[in-house]
Amino acid sequence: MGGFAGKVCQCPHYGYVFEGSIRADLPDTNEPAEVAVAGEAYFFPAGHMLYPELAKALELNPAYALQRCRDLTQRALERPSAAGSH
């Protein structure tokens, strides 16, 4: 995730999975990956990498953290790629 410290998401995620599953890896910890499947509510703390696997979910996130995440993503998308610049 370009622009994110340690390439992990710094926004906590709260939600409910309607279909499919979402896996969250917690790099730099001894914690195993967490998986939320259809019918489950979840909380993934800041410092994760998310892998939605054909999931339909409702997320409720803190506005300040979500906006910071969006800002970092937008800046990464606007940055010219190293491969494309000369």
PDB file of N, CA and C in Angstrom:
ATOM      1  N   MET A   1       0.850  -1.165   0.000  1.00  0.00           N
ATOM      2  CA  MET A   1       0.000   0.000   0.000  1.00  0.00           C
ATOM      3  C   MET A   1       0.896   1.227   0.000  1.00  0.00           C
ATOM      4  N   GLY A   2       1.132   1.778  -1.154  1.00  0.00           N
ATOM      5  CA  GLY A   2       2.038   2.895  -1.275  1.00  0.00           C
ATOM      6  C   GLY A   2       1.641   4.074  -0.409  1.00  0.00           C
ATOM      7  N   GLY A   3       2.604   4.657   0.284  1.00  0.00           N
ATOM      8  CA  GLY A   3       2.359   5.812   1.114  1.00  0.00           C
ATOM      9  C   GLY A   3       2.036   5.481   2.556  1.00  0.00           C
ATOM     10  N   PHE A   4       1.750   4.248   2.853  1.00  0.00           N
ATOM     11  CA  PHE A   4       1.415   3.848   4.210  1.00  0.00           C
ATOM     12  C   PHE A   4       2.678   3.432   4.952  1.00  0.00           C
ATOM     13  N   ALA A   5       2.775   3.855   6.202  1.00  0.00           N
ATOM     14  CA  ALA A   5       3.924   3.480   7.028  1.00  0.00           C
ATOM     15  C   ALA A   5       3.993   1.969   7.148  1.00  0.00           C
ATOM     16  N   GLY A   6       5.118   1.407   6.778  1.00  0.00           N
ATOM     17  CA  GLY A   6       5.277  -0.041   6.855  1.00  0.00           C
ATOM     18  C   GLY A   6       4.395  -0.809   5.891  1.00  0.00           C
ATOM     19  N   LYS A   7       3.794  -0.105   4.937  1.00  0.00           N
ATOM     20  CA  LYS A   7       2.902  -0.699   3.928  1.00  0.00           C
ATOM     21  C   LYS A   7       1.682  -1.376   4.543  1.00  0.00           C
ATOM     22  N   VAL A   8       1.277  -0.907   5.714  1.00  0.00           N
ATOM     23  CA  VAL A   8       0.075  -1.435   6.356  1.00  0.00           C
ATOM     24  C   VAL A   8      -0.937  -0.310   6.519  1.00  0.00           C
ATOM     25  N   CYS A   9      -2.202  -0.678   6.610  1.00  0.00           N
ATOM     26  CA  CYS A   9      -3.283   0.290   6.779  1.00  0.00           C
ATOM     27  C   CYS A   9      -3.322   0.755   8.233  1.00  0.00           C
ATOM     28  N   GLN A  10      -3.402   2.058   8.428  1.00  0.00           N
ATOM     29  CA  GLN A  10      -3.425   2.621   9.775  1.00  0.00           C
ATOM     30  C   GLN A  10      -4.837   2.955  10.247  1.00  0.00           C
ATOM     31  N   CYS A  11      -5.840   2.528   9.501  1.00  0.00           N
ATOM     32  CA  CYS A  11      -7.239   2.772   9.866  1.00  0.00           C
ATOM     33  C   CYS A  11      -7.831   1.502  10.469  1.00  0.00           C
ATOM     34  N   PRO A  12      -8.396   1.577  11.678  1.00  0.00           N
ATOM     35  CA  PRO A  12      -9.074   0.394  12.205  1.00  0.00           C
ATOM     36  C   PRO A  12     -10.357   0.147  11.410  1.00  0.00           C
ATOM     37  N   HIS A  13     -10.721  -1.101  11.243  1.00  0.00           N
ATOM     38  CA  HIS A  13     -11.927  -1.455  10.485  1.00  0.00           C
ATOM     39  C   HIS A  13     -12.897  -2.215  11.377  1.00  0.00           C
ATOM     40  N   TYR A  14     -14.131  -1.743  11.400  1.00  0.00           N
ATOM     41  CA  TYR A  14     -15.226  -2.404  12.104  1.00  0.00           C
ATOM     42  C   TYR A  14     -16.252  -2.752  11.037  1.00  0.00           C
ATOM     43  N   GLY A  15     -16.813  -3.938  11.065  1.00  0.00           N
ATOM     44  CA  GLY A  15     -17.787  -4.248  10.038  1.00  0.00           C
ATOM     45  C   GLY A  15     -18.513  -5.552  10.249  1.00  0.00           C
ATOM     46  N   TYR A  16     -19.300  -5.874   9.229  1.00  0.00           N
ATOM     47  CA  TYR A  16     -20.095  -7.094   9.206  1.00  0.00           C
ATOM     48  C   TYR A  16     -20.005  -7.670   7.799  1.00  0.00           C
ATOM     49  N   VAL A  17     -19.733  -8.954   7.685  1.00  0.00           N
ATOM     50  CA  VAL A  17     -19.611  -9.620   6.385  1.00  0.00           C
ATOM     51  C   VAL A  17     -20.950 -10.262   6.031  1.00  0.00           C
ATOM     52  N   PHE A  18     -21.498  -9.875   4.879  1.00  0.00           N
ATOM     53  CA  PHE A  18     -22.746 -10.462   4.386  1.00  0.00           C
ATOM     54  C   PHE A  18     -22.479 -11.693   3.529  1.00  0.00           C
ATOM     55  N   GLU A  19     -21.463 -11.596   2.684  1.00  0.00           N
ATOM     56  CA  GLU A  19     -21.101 -12.707   1.794  1.00  0.00           C
ATOM     57  C   GLU A  19     -19.583 -12.774   1.683  1.00  0.00           C
ATOM     58  N   GLY A  20     -19.073 -13.979   1.481  1.00  0.00           N
ATOM     59  CA  GLY A  20     -17.636 -14.160   1.287  1.00  0.00           C
ATOM     60  C   GLY A  20     -16.870 -14.067   2.590  1.00  0.00           C
ATOM     61  N   SER A  21     -15.631 -13.588   2.496  1.00  0.00           N
ATOM     62  CA  SER A  21     -14.783 -13.472   3.685  1.00  0.00           C
ATOM     63  C   SER A  21     -13.756 -12.364   3.484  1.00  0.00           C
ATOM     64  N   ILE A  22     -13.212 -11.894   4.597  1.00  0.00           N
ATOM     65  CA  ILE A  22     -12.153 -10.886   4.593  1.00  0.00           C
ATOM     66  C   ILE A  22     -11.060 -11.381   5.530  1.00  0.00           C
ATOM     67  N   ARG A  23      -9.842 -11.416   5.017  1.00  0.00           N
ATOM     68  CA  ARG A  23      -8.698 -11.830   5.834  1.00  0.00           C
ATOM     69  C   ARG A  23      -7.855 -10.599   6.149  1.00  0.00           C
ATOM     70  N   ALA A  24      -7.413 -10.507   7.380  1.00  0.00           N
ATOM     71  CA  ALA A  24      -6.521  -9.423   7.799  1.00  0.00           C
ATOM     72  C   ALA A  24      -5.245 -10.033   8.355  1.00  0.00           C
ATOM     73  N   ASP A  25      -4.126  -9.711   7.722  1.00  0.00           N
ATOM     74  CA  ASP A  25      -2.818 -10.107   8.237  1.00  0.00           C
ATOM     75  C   ASP A  25      -2.294  -8.970   9.101  1.00  0.00           C
ATOM     76  N   LEU A  26      -1.609  -9.323  10.163  1.00  0.00           N
ATOM     77  CA  LEU A  26      -1.021  -8.340  11.074  1.00  0.00           C
ATOM     78  C   LEU A  26       0.497  -8.499  11.045  1.00  0.00           C
ATOM     79  N   PRO A  27       1.147  -7.886  10.027  1.00  0.00           N
ATOM     80  CA  PRO A  27       2.598  -8.018   9.904  1.00  0.00           C
ATOM     81  C   PRO A  27       3.308  -7.511  11.162  1.00  0.00           C
ATOM     82  N   ASP A  28       4.496  -7.987  11.353  1.00  0.00           N
ATOM     83  CA  ASP A  28       5.341  -7.571  12.480  1.00  0.00           C
ATOM     84  C   ASP A  28       4.744  -7.920  13.838  1.00  0.00           C
ATOM     85  N   THR A  29       3.841  -8.902  13.856  1.00  0.00           N
ATOM     86  CA  THR A  29       3.309  -9.405  15.126  1.00  0.00           C
ATOM     87  C   THR A  29       3.383 -10.924  15.087  1.00  0.00           C
ATOM     88  N   ASN A  30       3.163 -11.530  16.205  1.00  0.00           N
ATOM     89  CA  ASN A  30       3.090 -12.990  16.266  1.00  0.00           C
ATOM     90  C   ASN A  30       1.655 -13.474  16.140  1.00  0.00           C
ATOM     91  N   GLU A  31       0.740 -12.543  15.869  1.00  0.00           N
ATOM     92  CA  GLU A  31      -0.672 -12.882  15.763  1.00  0.00           C
ATOM     93  C   GLU A  31      -0.947 -13.589  14.441  1.00  0.00           C
ATOM     94  N   PRO A  32      -1.784 -14.624  14.469  1.00  0.00           N
ATOM     95  CA  PRO A  32      -2.172 -15.270  13.216  1.00  0.00           C
ATOM     96  C   PRO A  32      -3.126 -14.361  12.439  1.00  0.00           C
ATOM     97  N   ALA A  33      -3.265 -14.611  11.155  1.00  0.00           N
ATOM     98  CA  ALA A  33      -4.222 -13.860  10.345  1.00  0.00           C
ATOM     99  C   ALA A  33      -5.616 -14.050  10.934  1.00  0.00           C
ATOM    100  N   GLU A  34      -6.423 -12.998  10.848  1.00  0.00           N
ATOM    101  CA  GLU A  34      -7.809 -13.080  11.288  1.00  0.00           C
ATOM    102  C   GLU A  34      -8.678 -13.160  10.049  1.00  0.00           C
ATOM    103  N   VAL A  35      -9.709 -13.988  10.089  1.00  0.00           N
ATOM    104  CA  VAL A  35     -10.628 -14.124   8.964  1.00  0.00           C
ATOM    105  C   VAL A  35     -12.047 -13.936   9.469  1.00  0.00           C
ATOM    106  N   ALA A  36     -12.780 -13.022   8.827  1.00  0.00           N
ATOM    107  CA  ALA A  36     -14.198 -12.835   9.114  1.00  0.00           C
ATOM    108  C   ALA A  36     -14.972 -13.408   7.935  1.00  0.00           C
ATOM    109  N   VAL A  37     -15.957 -14.247   8.216  1.00  0.00           N
ATOM    110  CA  VAL A  37     -16.750 -14.888   7.166  1.00  0.00           C
ATOM    111  C   VAL A  37     -18.194 -14.408   7.254  1.00  0.00           C
ATOM    112  N   ALA A  38     -18.978 -14.741   6.226  1.00  0.00           N
ATOM    113  CA  ALA A  38     -20.378 -14.330   6.162  1.00  0.00           C
ATOM    114  C   ALA A  38     -21.087 -14.625   7.479  1.00  0.00           C
ATOM    115  N   GLY A  39     -21.811 -13.617   7.963  1.00  0.00           N
ATOM    116  CA  GLY A  39     -22.541 -13.756   9.214  1.00  0.00           C
ATOM    117  C   GLY A  39     -21.776 -13.296  10.436  1.00  0.00           C
ATOM    118  N   GLU A  40     -20.542 -12.824  10.252  1.00  0.00           N
ATOM    119  CA  GLU A  40     -19.718 -12.404  11.391  1.00  0.00           C
ATOM    120  C   GLU A  40     -19.451 -10.899  11.374  1.00  0.00           C
ATOM    121  N   ALA A  41     -19.415 -10.324  12.576  1.00  0.00           N
ATOM    122  CA  ALA A  41     -18.934  -8.959  12.759  1.00  0.00           C
ATOM    123  C   ALA A  41     -17.427  -9.050  12.961  1.00  0.00           C
ATOM    124  N   TYR A  42     -16.708  -7.974  12.637  1.00  0.00           N
ATOM    125  CA  TYR A  42     -15.254  -8.006  12.795  1.00  0.00           C
ATOM    126  C   TYR A  42     -14.706  -6.666  13.255  1.00  0.00           C
ATOM    127  N   PHE A  43     -13.531  -6.735  13.834  1.00  0.00           N
ATOM    128  CA  PHE A  43     -12.704  -5.573  14.147  1.00  0.00           C
ATOM    129  C   PHE A  43     -11.281  -5.943  13.766  1.00  0.00           C
ATOM    130  N   PHE A  44     -10.694  -5.159  12.869  1.00  0.00           N
ATOM    131  CA  PHE A  44      -9.296  -5.327  12.508  1.00  0.00           C
ATOM    132  C   PHE A  44      -8.575  -4.053  12.954  1.00  0.00           C
ATOM    133  N   PRO A  45      -7.610  -4.151  13.865  1.00  0.00           N
ATOM    134  CA  PRO A  45      -6.924  -2.956  14.370  1.00  0.00           C
ATOM    135  C   PRO A  45      -6.016  -2.330  13.312  1.00  0.00           C
ATOM    136  N   ALA A  46      -5.632  -1.090  13.560  1.00  0.00           N
ATOM    137  CA  ALA A  46      -4.657  -0.431  12.688  1.00  0.00           C
ATOM    138  C   ALA A  46      -3.393  -1.283  12.645  1.00  0.00           C
ATOM    139  N   GLY A  47      -2.696  -1.227  11.510  1.00  0.00           N
ATOM    140  CA  GLY A  47      -1.464  -2.003  11.356  1.00  0.00           C
ATOM    141  C   GLY A  47      -1.691  -3.322  10.645  1.00  0.00           C
ATOM    142  N   HIS A  48      -2.722  -3.390   9.824  1.00  0.00           N
ATOM    143  CA  HIS A  48      -3.075  -4.636   9.142  1.00  0.00           C
ATOM    144  C   HIS A  48      -2.939  -4.491   7.628  1.00  0.00           C
ATOM    145  N   MET A  49      -3.043  -5.605   6.962  1.00  0.00           N
ATOM    146  CA  MET A  49      -3.178  -5.670   5.505  1.00  0.00           C
ATOM    147  C   MET A  49      -4.438  -6.491   5.259  1.00  0.00           C
ATOM    148  N   LEU A  50      -5.409  -5.925   4.519  1.00  0.00           N
ATOM    149  CA  LEU A  50      -6.684  -6.601   4.269  1.00  0.00           C
ATOM    150  C   LEU A  50      -6.681  -7.317   2.933  1.00  0.00           C
ATOM    151  N   TYR A  51      -7.337  -8.457   2.913  1.00  0.00           N
ATOM    152  CA  TYR A  51      -7.494  -9.251   1.698  1.00  0.00           C
ATOM    153  C   TYR A  51      -8.950  -9.682   1.592  1.00  0.00           C
ATOM    154  N   PRO A  52      -9.810  -8.829   0.988  1.00  0.00           N
ATOM    155  CA  PRO A  52     -11.201  -9.243   0.802  1.00  0.00           C
ATOM    156  C   PRO A  52     -11.257 -10.332  -0.265  1.00  0.00           C
ATOM    157  N   GLU A  53     -11.979 -11.365   0.009  1.00  0.00           N
ATOM    158  CA  GLU A  53     -12.070 -12.493  -0.917  1.00  0.00           C
ATOM    159  C   GLU A  53     -13.499 -12.591  -1.428  1.00  0.00           C
ATOM    160  N   LEU A  54     -13.797 -11.777  -2.471  1.00  0.00           N
ATOM    161  CA  LEU A  54     -15.144 -11.700  -3.030  1.00  0.00           C
ATOM    162  C   LEU A  54     -16.166 -11.471  -1.925  1.00  0.00           C
ATOM    163  N   ALA A  55     -15.929 -10.442  -1.124  1.00  0.00           N
ATOM    164  CA  ALA A  55     -16.774 -10.174   0.036  1.00  0.00           C
ATOM    165  C   ALA A  55     -17.748  -9.033  -0.221  1.00  0.00           C
ATOM    166  N   LYS A  56     -18.901  -9.144   0.418  1.00  0.00           N
ATOM    167  CA  LYS A  56     -19.840  -8.037   0.538  1.00  0.00           C
ATOM    168  C   LYS A  56     -19.921  -7.758   2.026  1.00  0.00           C
ATOM    169  N   ALA A  57     -19.551  -6.529   2.394  1.00  0.00           N
ATOM    170  CA  ALA A  57     -19.489  -6.197   3.813  1.00  0.00           C
ATOM    171  C   ALA A  57     -19.913  -4.750   4.027  1.00  0.00           C
ATOM    172  N   LEU A  58     -20.327  -4.465   5.234  1.00  0.00           N
ATOM    173  CA  LEU A  58     -20.622  -3.105   5.668  1.00  0.00           C
ATOM    174  C   LEU A  58     -19.516  -2.719   6.633  1.00  0.00           C
ATOM    175  N   GLU A  59     -18.881  -1.562   6.378  1.00  0.00           N
ATOM    176  CA  GLU A  59     -17.813  -1.110   7.271  1.00  0.00           C
ATOM    177  C   GLU A  59     -18.196   0.200   7.926  1.00  0.00           C
ATOM    178  N   LEU A  60     -17.825   0.312   9.197  1.00  0.00           N
ATOM    179  CA  LEU A  60     -17.993   1.533   9.978  1.00  0.00           C
ATOM    180  C   LEU A  60     -16.620   1.861  10.541  1.00  0.00           C
ATOM    181  N   ASN A  61     -16.031   2.944  10.040  1.00  0.00           N
ATOM    182  CA  ASN A  61     -14.662   3.291  10.420  1.00  0.00           C
ATOM    183  C   ASN A  61     -14.620   4.698  11.001  1.00  0.00           C
ATOM    184  N   PRO A  62     -13.667   4.990  11.881  1.00  0.00           N
ATOM    185  CA  PRO A  62     -13.515   6.356  12.393  1.00  0.00           C
ATOM    186  C   PRO A  62     -13.228   7.310  11.231  1.00  0.00           C
ATOM    187  N   ALA A  63     -13.968   8.412  11.167  1.00  0.00           N
ATOM    188  CA  ALA A  63     -13.854   9.341  10.043  1.00  0.00           C
ATOM    189  C   ALA A  63     -12.432   9.869   9.867  1.00  0.00           C
ATOM    190  N   TYR A  64     -11.760  10.232  10.955  1.00  0.00           N
ATOM    191  CA  TYR A  64     -10.416  10.810  10.847  1.00  0.00           C
ATOM    192  C   TYR A  64      -9.432   9.805  10.250  1.00  0.00           C
ATOM    193  N   ALA A  65      -9.527   8.548  10.674  1.00  0.00           N
ATOM    194  CA  ALA A  65      -8.590   7.527  10.190  1.00  0.00           C
ATOM    195  C   ALA A  65      -8.886   7.159   8.742  1.00  0.00           C
ATOM    196  N   LEU A  66     -10.165   7.091   8.396  1.00  0.00           N
ATOM    197  CA  LEU A  66     -10.539   6.766   7.020  1.00  0.00           C
ATOM    198  C   LEU A  66     -10.107   7.881   6.071  1.00  0.00           C
ATOM    199  N   GLN A  67     -10.278   9.139   6.481  1.00  0.00           N
ATOM    200  CA  GLN A  67      -9.858  10.254   5.629  1.00  0.00           C
ATOM    201  C   GLN A  67      -8.348  10.237   5.423  1.00  0.00           C
ATOM    202  N   ARG A  68      -7.592   9.943   6.467  1.00  0.00           N
ATOM    203  CA  ARG A  68      -6.128   9.857   6.339  1.00  0.00           C
ATOM    204  C   ARG A  68      -5.748   8.757   5.355  1.00  0.00           C
ATOM    205  N   CYS A  69      -6.422   7.637   5.436  1.00  0.00           N
ATOM    206  CA  CYS A  69      -6.180   6.518   4.525  1.00  0.00           C
ATOM    207  C   CYS A  69      -6.482   6.930   3.085  1.00  0.00           C
ATOM    208  N   ARG A  70      -7.603   7.597   2.880  1.00  0.00           N
ATOM    209  CA  ARG A  70      -7.967   8.066   1.530  1.00  0.00           C
ATOM    210  C   ARG A  70      -6.947   9.064   0.997  1.00  0.00           C
ATOM    211  N   ASP A  71      -6.505   9.982   1.854  1.00  0.00           N
ATOM    212  CA  ASP A  71      -5.510  10.978   1.431  1.00  0.00           C
ATOM    213  C   ASP A  71      -4.209  10.311   0.992  1.00  0.00           C
ATOM    214  N   LEU A  72      -3.732   9.343   1.769  1.00  0.00           N
ATOM    215  CA  LEU A  72      -2.500   8.632   1.413  1.00  0.00           C
ATOM    216  C   LEU A  72      -2.662   7.868   0.103  1.00  0.00           C
ATOM    217  N   THR A  73      -3.818   7.245  -0.077  1.00  0.00           N
ATOM    218  CA  THR A  73      -4.080   6.502  -1.313  1.00  0.00           C
ATOM    219  C   THR A  73      -4.097   7.445  -2.505  1.00  0.00           C
ATOM    220  N   GLN A  74      -4.770   8.592  -2.364  1.00  0.00           N
ATOM    221  CA  GLN A  74      -4.845   9.562  -3.454  1.00  0.00           C
ATOM    222  C   GLN A  74      -3.459  10.072  -3.827  1.00  0.00           C
ATOM    223  N   ARG A  75      -2.636  10.390  -2.840  1.00  0.00           N
ATOM    224  CA  ARG A  75      -1.274  10.863  -3.129  1.00  0.00           C
ATOM    225  C   ARG A  75      -0.455   9.796  -3.841  1.00  0.00           C
ATOM    226  N   ALA A  76      -0.619   8.552  -3.431  1.00  0.00           N
ATOM    227  CA  ALA A  76       0.120   7.459  -4.077  1.00  0.00           C
ATOM    228  C   ALA A  76      -0.313   7.307  -5.527  1.00  0.00           C
ATOM    229  N   LEU A  77      -1.609   7.483  -5.807  1.00  0.00           N
ATOM    230  CA  LEU A  77      -2.106   7.363  -7.180  1.00  0.00           C
ATOM    231  C   LEU A  77      -1.647   8.519  -8.057  1.00  0.00           C
ATOM    232  N   GLU A  78      -1.474   9.693  -7.469  1.00  0.00           N
ATOM    233  CA  GLU A  78      -1.055  10.870  -8.234  1.00  0.00           C
ATOM    234  C   GLU A  78       0.444  10.907  -8.486  1.00  0.00           C
ATOM    235  N   ARG A  79       1.217  10.156  -7.705  1.00  0.00           N
ATOM    236  CA  ARG A  79       2.671  10.124  -7.839  1.00  0.00           C
ATOM    237  C   ARG A  79       3.048   9.374  -9.115  1.00  0.00           C
ATOM    238  N   PRO A  80       3.945   9.942  -9.942  1.00  0.00           N
ATOM    239  CA  PRO A  80       4.384   9.190 -11.127  1.00  0.00           C
ATOM    240  C   PRO A  80       5.123   7.923 -10.702  1.00  0.00           C
ATOM    241  N   SER A  81       4.884   6.861 -11.429  1.00  0.00           N
ATOM    242  CA  SER A  81       5.569   5.606 -11.092  1.00  0.00           C
ATOM    243  C   SER A  81       7.033   5.705 -11.478  1.00  0.00           C
ATOM    244  N   ALA A  82       7.858   5.001 -10.746  1.00  0.00           N
ATOM    245  CA  ALA A  82       9.298   5.005 -11.033  1.00  0.00           C
ATOM    246  C   ALA A  82       9.574   4.428 -12.408  1.00  0.00           C
ATOM    247  N   ALA A  83       8.787   3.439 -12.821  1.00  0.00           N
ATOM    248  CA  ALA A  83       9.001   2.796 -14.120  1.00  0.00           C
ATOM    249  C   ALA A  83       8.621   3.720 -15.266  1.00  0.00           C
ATOM    250  N   GLY A  84       7.637   4.615 -15.037  1.00  0.00           N
ATOM    251  CA  GLY A  84       7.158   5.459 -16.111  1.00  0.00           C
ATOM    252  C   GLY A  84       7.874   6.788 -16.221  1.00  0.00           C
ATOM    253  N   SER A  85       8.725   7.128 -15.274  1.00  0.00           N
ATOM    254  CA  SER A  85       9.407   8.422 -15.320  1.00  0.00           C
ATOM    255  C   SER A  85      10.832   8.263 -15.835  1.00  0.00           C
ATOM    256  N   HIS A  86      11.283   9.247 -16.580  1.00  0.00           N
ATOM    257  CA  HIS A  86      12.646   9.233 -17.128  1.00  0.00           C
ATOM    258  C   HIS A  86      13.333  10.524 -16.818  1.00  0.00           C
TER     259      HIS A  86
END
